[in-house]
Amino acid sequence: MPEYQFADKGGKIVSVEYDKNSYFSADQVLESLDSVFNKFPFPAYVEQVTGYDDVFHVTFPEGNDGIGDVFICAKGTTPGGRSGLKDEQRIQPKAKYLNYVFERGEEGKKTVFLGVYNRDGETILCTWKVMASAAASIETPISKQIKITSIAKAMREGFVQQDKGKGEYACAFRPEFLYFYLRNCDWLHTGYISEFAEHTIPENFGSTEDTVSEKGFEEVNFYTGIKSKYPRNRIIFGAPGTGKSFTLNGAAKKLLVDGGYEERVTFHPDYSYANFVGTYKPVMVGGSSDILDATSKDVLSVLLDKTKTAQEKYDLLYERFKDDGLTRLPILLGLYTDEVFKTRKQDGTDAVGNNSVERNHGKALRPYVALASDVKVKEEIAYEYVPGPFMRVLAKALKSAMTDNPKPHLLIIEEINRANVAAVFGDVFQLLDRASNNASGEIIWDKTINETFAMITNNCPYYVDLQTRKRITDDQNYFKRLHECVLTIASNELENAGLLNLFELVGVDLTEETLDDFGDKEVILYNIEKELSTQFNTRKQLVLKTIYTCIDHSGSLYDIDCLSLFGTNSFNLVWEKVCAEIMNNQLDTRLGALRLPIPLKDKYSKQTKLIEIIEKPLWTVTGKTATDTLIPDIVSISVVNGEWQFVIFDAKYYNAKLDPGIFPKAQPGIESVTKQYLYQLAYQEFIDEHKFSSVKNCFILPTEESTVLDKEEVSLQMLSKIGLQSIKVRFLPAKMAYDNYLSGRKLDIALLKL
């Protein structure tokens, strides 16, 4: 077989022989598209268009943010095609399929011309411009190519374009970029991605929710996603001179090391809500252009010059805006004129399109802005809102949240107890304990009273450390992340010392966080001690104490003189997972993507999963079926010695004693045996209709031996009499199973000799 270049996982290019049997079928393309579209929060339904094998129609029952239905002409990519070129992938759909999709585009639908590259579980989507074919025959294959270097680069970088010449680009990208492509595919095949700003209006990424309230204005909730080892609200108290301000200054410096904003205020007895939050105050206002700097006045003079056309104004202002704000210049002109004008790129060449979107944005803004003019207006006294330190910091934080790189903002209050705090804060207090969705954390009073200390004033308890559902979740996440961090550090130290190989341990890399991300050493140890005081689960106590010792290096809580390993005590679940993977479990595979002896019967939907065809119990009094039904562990479809086998496995993590002449011990129980028979009965109609050579039923148990042990079978004559197969029993070497699982290989089912 000839060698071709392929892109392996991670974007490494290798030369290997091409196995034509690995061709990606239309059913596999369907399954791949279904998987890709359903990675996003818009439920999607993908189906083949009847009579057009390589055309797929994607619908969205709950909508998809305005994109609408998508028609796709798609095939799996294959190497080769053009003479002597071993570094290309191509697709060759028939002209009629491509023309069908093109016609849908003419009707206003979203259309895509796509190749699916799949290797070692890595999927890259390759796309070309949708154009009608002028081939003499509608059966003529239309060939499109893309370089393997472009696919490899897409694996590493996410999204790439390949210049095909004559102003056309092919695209290759990871599935995560699907919606970026769908929103921009109208120009991505004719314009380079550096022109992105000319085709889009920047979105407000700081807002997680935009809604219009009953009051008629827009309410915006901001969530920056900034994570910090410091609490969002923190009170430091102590006697004078004990280092309160010094501690805060150090923490502020670390918090804002990568940028941000800090403001400091000192409370005093006369300090009020108006000082802290803000209030209306008299200010001098006027319409004079004297408030503008010289540069702004020059721009304004051009905009107000009635002797010049819009094009002349654009040309005059082009150089001023070229390096900063060129995409905003059409909007600015749109504020002052309705005339049409041409725009240019930074390199001076004509831009794509007629900038109508930007001009219309400017026009739409006119009623809502006071346009600057050269007419002077007498200054007057007016009342305007003057923000206090709290509102200033809040406003700056919200503006930062609307950028691609939000920064932390800090407000430090000195001498907080010298003012009437309730009066100064007012309803701002309601903002100090918020969940991530801006909802108040629900206080759990039992946990607060039982596990925290109260301050008693005038015989009334005040709980400073409230326990809320959000706080408990945050604490759990904190210790989970800390555990992952310590394990990663320990793994790296063992690897550097050469001990992983010595103890035959597998290294772990669970997180990129470091201990500094969790606070100073003393803060981390304090948090662990506090958690230990309320933690009564023995295993969790041991883990927390081990983490403490690892961080403290002193063993102050207790001495450790042995190696403790923590893992799962539900290893049956691990065995089931491993067996399902290496046996190529097909239960969750759609029927249209299954390899079957004959084509799928029309009575079955290609979108239905194999697990979903098992009958569910009907309760006649209700006329409804129950949601629960039989669920096998593993179903595999394999070809052994030319025979199609439908194999039903049950992975049992049992140490069964099954030897000649003795009573069976620790074997699967009668309920497991009868269920295994029922699984076969549940699939019998599907098996018969699709002409399988045989059906096999098998228990898979682990063994320490190095070869598969044939333990014959278990049977119930009353069920065998109705044509159901007895259940084979095989002991599978655990080392063989784990080796296959960890290396990503499938087990050759022929080894089981079923």
Foldseek 3Di string as FASTA:
>chain_A
DAWFWAQDQLLDIDIDDDDPVPFQALLNVQQVVCVLVVVDPFRKDWDADPPFSQKIKIATPVDDVPQGIEIEREGAWDADDDPPHRFKTKFWGFLLNLQVQVVVVVVVHQYWYWYWYDDPRFTKIKTFDRDHDPDPDRRGTDMDMDGNSQQSVQSNPFKDWDDPDPQFIMIMGGSVCVVVCSVPVVCVGRDPCVCVLLVDDDDQQQFPDWDADPVGDIDTDGFQPDAFLDDPDDDDDDDPPPCPVVVVVVVVCVQQVVHAAEDEEEDAAPAFQCQAFWDKDKDKDWQAPPVPDPVVVVLQVLLPPPVDDLQVSCVVCCVVCLVPCLSQVLLVSLLRDPDFYWGAHSVGHTDPDRCPVSSVNNVVCNVPDDDRDNDTTDMDMDIDMDGHPVNVQVVVQSVLSRDPHRGDYYYHYHPCVNYPNCRNCPCVVLQNAAASRRHHFDFDVVCQVVQFDFDADPNDTDRPDTDGPRVVVVLVVLVVVLLLQLLLVVLVVCVVVVNCVVVVHDGDDRDPDHPVRNPDLVVLLVSLVSVLVVDDDVVVNVSSLVSNCSSVVPCVVHDDDDDDDDDDPPCLVVQLVLQQQQLVFQQQPFQSNDDFLDDDDPVGDSRDGNVVQQDFDADVVVRDGDPDDQDFSGWHWDADPNFTETEGEHEGAWPWDQDPPDDIDRDDDPVVQVSQQVVCVRCVVVCVVRDGPYYAAEYEYEDQDPAKDWSAFDDDVVSVVVPTDTYTYIHDHPVVSVVCRVVSHHDDCVSNVD
